[in-house]
Amino acid sequence: MNSEHIEQIQLVQWFRQKFPEIRIFAIPNGGHRHKAAAMKLKLEGVSKGIPDLFIPELLLWIEMKRETGGKVSIHQKEWIKYLESIGHRCIIGNGFLDAKEKIFKII
């Protein structure tokens, strides 16, 4: 089973190849950091729970999880609820293939 990291890499590579005219980018919110670096990023606006990827043209946020076993945190649920309340779309991709299928339903 691939890690969330690998699943996200596969999705971004596929998306950029399939839709080169539509931009997608990652939100570097996760990961382990030195305490000083984490504090600096928090002061700059990094927030827990923001989805992993954004496609501005589609107003689409993507929260990537492993194919099995990934869990959406309370912070992620709160962000998804907020983003949907202002007219954005959000999907939770349980692995590359699931995220790809959900994107195809939107495009």
C-alpha atoms as a PDB file:
ATOM      1  CA  MET A   1       0.000   0.000   0.000  1.00  0.00           C
ATOM      2  CA  ASN A   2       1.311   3.433  -0.960  1.00  0.00           C
ATOM      3  CA  SER A   3       1.727   6.252   1.529  1.00  0.00           C
ATOM      4  CA  GLU A   4      -0.387   9.397   1.283  1.00  0.00           C
ATOM      5  CA  HIS A   5       2.737  11.123  -0.048  1.00  0.00           C
ATOM      6  CA  ILE A   6       3.080   8.695  -2.973  1.00  0.00           C
ATOM      7  CA  GLU A   7      -0.666   8.811  -3.715  1.00  0.00           C
ATOM      8  CA  GLN A   8      -0.513  12.620  -3.876  1.00  0.00           C
ATOM      9  CA  ILE A   9       2.553  12.590  -6.148  1.00  0.00           C
ATOM     10  CA  GLN A  10       0.749  10.205  -8.522  1.00  0.00           C
ATOM     11  CA  LEU A  11      -2.334  12.421  -8.575  1.00  0.00           C
ATOM     12  CA  VAL A  12      -0.431  15.646  -9.253  1.00  0.00           C
ATOM     13  CA  GLN A  13       1.669  14.050 -12.014  1.00  0.00           C
ATOM     14  CA  TRP A  14      -1.418  12.553 -13.666  1.00  0.00           C
ATOM     15  CA  PHE A  15      -3.393  15.800 -13.392  1.00  0.00           C
ATOM     16  CA  ARG A  16      -0.607  17.959 -14.840  1.00  0.00           C
ATOM     17  CA  GLN A  17      -0.178  15.558 -17.750  1.00  0.00           C
ATOM     18  CA  LYS A  18      -3.915  15.147 -18.423  1.00  0.00           C
ATOM     19  CA  PHE A  19      -4.874  18.820 -17.953  1.00  0.00           C
ATOM     20  CA  PRO A  20      -1.718  20.883 -18.635  1.00  0.00           C
ATOM     21  CA  GLU A  21      -3.731  24.094 -19.017  1.00  0.00           C
ATOM     22  CA  ILE A  22      -5.310  23.828 -15.539  1.00  0.00           C
ATOM     23  CA  ARG A  23      -3.131  24.615 -12.551  1.00  0.00           C
ATOM     24  CA  ILE A  24      -2.940  22.506  -9.414  1.00  0.00           C
ATOM     25  CA  PHE A  25      -0.762  23.166  -6.389  1.00  0.00           C
ATOM     26  CA  ALA A  26      -0.011  21.736  -2.973  1.00  0.00           C
ATOM     27  CA  ILE A  27      -0.595  23.405   0.378  1.00  0.00           C
ATOM     28  CA  PRO A  28       2.483  22.572   2.492  1.00  0.00           C
ATOM     29  CA  ASN A  29       0.686  22.392   5.826  1.00  0.00           C
ATOM     30  CA  GLY A  30       1.698  18.956   7.063  1.00  0.00           C
ATOM     31  CA  GLY A  31       4.934  17.314   7.968  1.00  0.00           C
ATOM     32  CA  HIS A  32       7.269  17.412  10.902  1.00  0.00           C
ATOM     33  CA  ARG A  33       9.239  20.591  11.442  1.00  0.00           C
ATOM     34  CA  HIS A  34      11.595  22.033  13.971  1.00  0.00           C
ATOM     35  CA  LYS A  35       9.639  23.939  16.622  1.00  0.00           C
ATOM     36  CA  ALA A  36      11.027  27.325  15.519  1.00  0.00           C
ATOM     37  CA  ALA A  37      10.148  26.674  11.869  1.00  0.00           C
ATOM     38  CA  ALA A  38       6.637  25.524  12.847  1.00  0.00           C
ATOM     39  CA  MET A  39       6.078  28.708  14.871  1.00  0.00           C
ATOM     40  CA  LYS A  40       7.301  30.888  12.001  1.00  0.00           C
ATOM     41  CA  LEU A  41       4.938  29.178   9.554  1.00  0.00           C
ATOM     42  CA  LYS A  42       2.030  29.455  11.981  1.00  0.00           C
ATOM     43  CA  LEU A  43       2.647  33.189  12.285  1.00  0.00           C
ATOM     44  CA  GLU A  44       2.694  33.388   8.464  1.00  0.00           C
ATOM     45  CA  GLY A  45      -0.778  31.828   8.300  1.00  0.00           C
ATOM     46  CA  VAL A  46      -0.333  28.067   8.112  1.00  0.00           C
ATOM     47  CA  SER A  47      -3.454  26.462   9.589  1.00  0.00           C
ATOM     48  CA  LYS A  48      -4.204  22.892  10.642  1.00  0.00           C
ATOM     49  CA  GLY A  49      -6.632  21.037   8.431  1.00  0.00           C
ATOM     50  CA  ILE A  50      -6.402  22.897   5.131  1.00  0.00           C
ATOM     51  CA  PRO A  51      -6.742  20.377   2.284  1.00  0.00           C
ATOM     52  CA  ASP A  52      -3.580  19.167   0.562  1.00  0.00           C
ATOM     53  CA  LEU A  53      -4.209  20.404  -2.987  1.00  0.00           C
ATOM     54  CA  PHE A  54      -6.061  23.238  -4.714  1.00  0.00           C
ATOM     55  CA  ILE A  55      -7.235  23.663  -8.309  1.00  0.00           C
ATOM     56  CA  PRO A  56      -8.197  27.365  -8.542  1.00  0.00           C
ATOM     57  CA  GLU A  57     -10.011  27.148 -11.891  1.00  0.00           C
ATOM     58  CA  LEU A  58     -12.410  24.563 -10.473  1.00  0.00           C
ATOM     59  CA  LEU A  59     -12.551  26.007  -6.941  1.00  0.00           C
ATOM     60  CA  LEU A  60     -11.643  22.459  -5.967  1.00  0.00           C
ATOM     61  CA  TRP A  61      -9.802  21.435  -2.824  1.00  0.00           C
ATOM     62  CA  ILE A  62      -8.479  17.888  -2.482  1.00  0.00           C
ATOM     63  CA  GLU A  63      -7.654  16.202   0.795  1.00  0.00           C
ATOM     64  CA  MET A  64      -5.504  13.170   0.027  1.00  0.00           C
ATOM     65  CA  LYS A  65      -5.516  10.043   2.146  1.00  0.00           C
ATOM     66  CA  ARG A  66      -3.990   6.610   1.743  1.00  0.00           C
ATOM     67  CA  GLU A  67      -6.096   4.167  -0.224  1.00  0.00           C
ATOM     68  CA  THR A  68      -7.161   2.534   3.034  1.00  0.00           C
ATOM     69  CA  GLY A  69      -6.839   3.587   6.631  1.00  0.00           C
ATOM     70  CA  GLY A  70      -6.628   7.367   6.176  1.00  0.00           C
ATOM     71  CA  LYS A  71      -8.783   9.411   8.528  1.00  0.00           C
ATOM     72  CA  VAL A  72     -10.054  12.980   8.162  1.00  0.00           C
ATOM     73  CA  SER A  73      -9.211  15.029  11.271  1.00  0.00           C
ATOM     74  CA  ILE A  74     -11.619  17.355  13.048  1.00  0.00           C
ATOM     75  CA  HIS A  75      -9.602  20.337  11.729  1.00  0.00           C
ATOM     76  CA  GLN A  76      -9.912  19.001   8.170  1.00  0.00           C
ATOM     77  CA  LYS A  77     -13.664  18.497   8.589  1.00  0.00           C
ATOM     78  CA  GLU A  78     -14.020  22.086   9.824  1.00  0.00           C
ATOM     79  CA  TRP A  79     -12.069  23.492   6.854  1.00  0.00           C
ATOM     80  CA  ILE A  80     -14.027  21.369   4.363  1.00  0.00           C
ATOM     81  CA  LYS A  81     -17.326  22.540   5.867  1.00  0.00           C
ATOM     82  CA  TYR A  82     -16.196  26.172   5.686  1.00  0.00           C
ATOM     83  CA  LEU A  83     -14.894  25.924   2.111  1.00  0.00           C
ATOM     84  CA  GLU A  84     -18.092  24.269   0.910  1.00  0.00           C
ATOM     85  CA  SER A  85     -20.158  26.951   2.698  1.00  0.00           C
ATOM     86  CA  ILE A  86     -18.516  29.646   0.546  1.00  0.00           C
ATOM     87  CA  GLY A  87     -19.101  27.800  -2.717  1.00  0.00           C
ATOM     88  CA  HIS A  88     -15.910  25.808  -3.114  1.00  0.00           C
ATOM     89  CA  ARG A  89     -15.866  22.084  -3.837  1.00  0.00           C
ATOM     90  CA  CYS A  90     -13.946  19.602  -1.728  1.00  0.00           C
ATOM     91  CA  ILE A  91     -13.156  15.952  -2.258  1.00  0.00           C
ATOM     92  CA  ILE A  92     -11.418  13.424  -0.094  1.00  0.00           C
ATOM     93  CA  GLY A  93      -9.272  11.190  -2.265  1.00  0.00           C
ATOM     94  CA  ASN A  94      -8.775   7.769  -0.733  1.00  0.00           C
ATOM     95  CA  GLY A  95      -5.722   7.135  -2.858  1.00  0.00           C
ATOM     96  CA  PHE A  96      -4.800   8.272  -6.350  1.00  0.00           C
ATOM     97  CA  LEU A  97      -7.438   6.249  -8.210  1.00  0.00           C
ATOM     98  CA  ASP A  98     -10.297   7.418  -5.989  1.00  0.00           C
ATOM     99  CA  ALA A  99      -9.227  11.079  -6.282  1.00  0.00           C
ATOM    100  CA  LYS A 100      -8.859  10.731 -10.068  1.00  0.00           C
ATOM    101  CA  GLU A 101     -12.374   9.283 -10.361  1.00  0.00           C
ATOM    102  CA  LYS A 102     -13.843  12.078  -8.234  1.00  0.00           C
ATOM    103  CA  ILE A 103     -12.061  14.742 -10.321  1.00  0.00           C
ATOM    104  CA  PHE A 104     -13.489  13.240 -13.525  1.00  0.00           C
ATOM    105  CA  LYS A 105     -16.981  13.614 -12.053  1.00  0.00           C
ATOM    106  CA  ILE A 106     -16.348  17.363 -11.660  1.00  0.00           C
ATOM    107  CA  ILE A 107     -14.587  18.172 -14.923  1.00  0.00           C
END
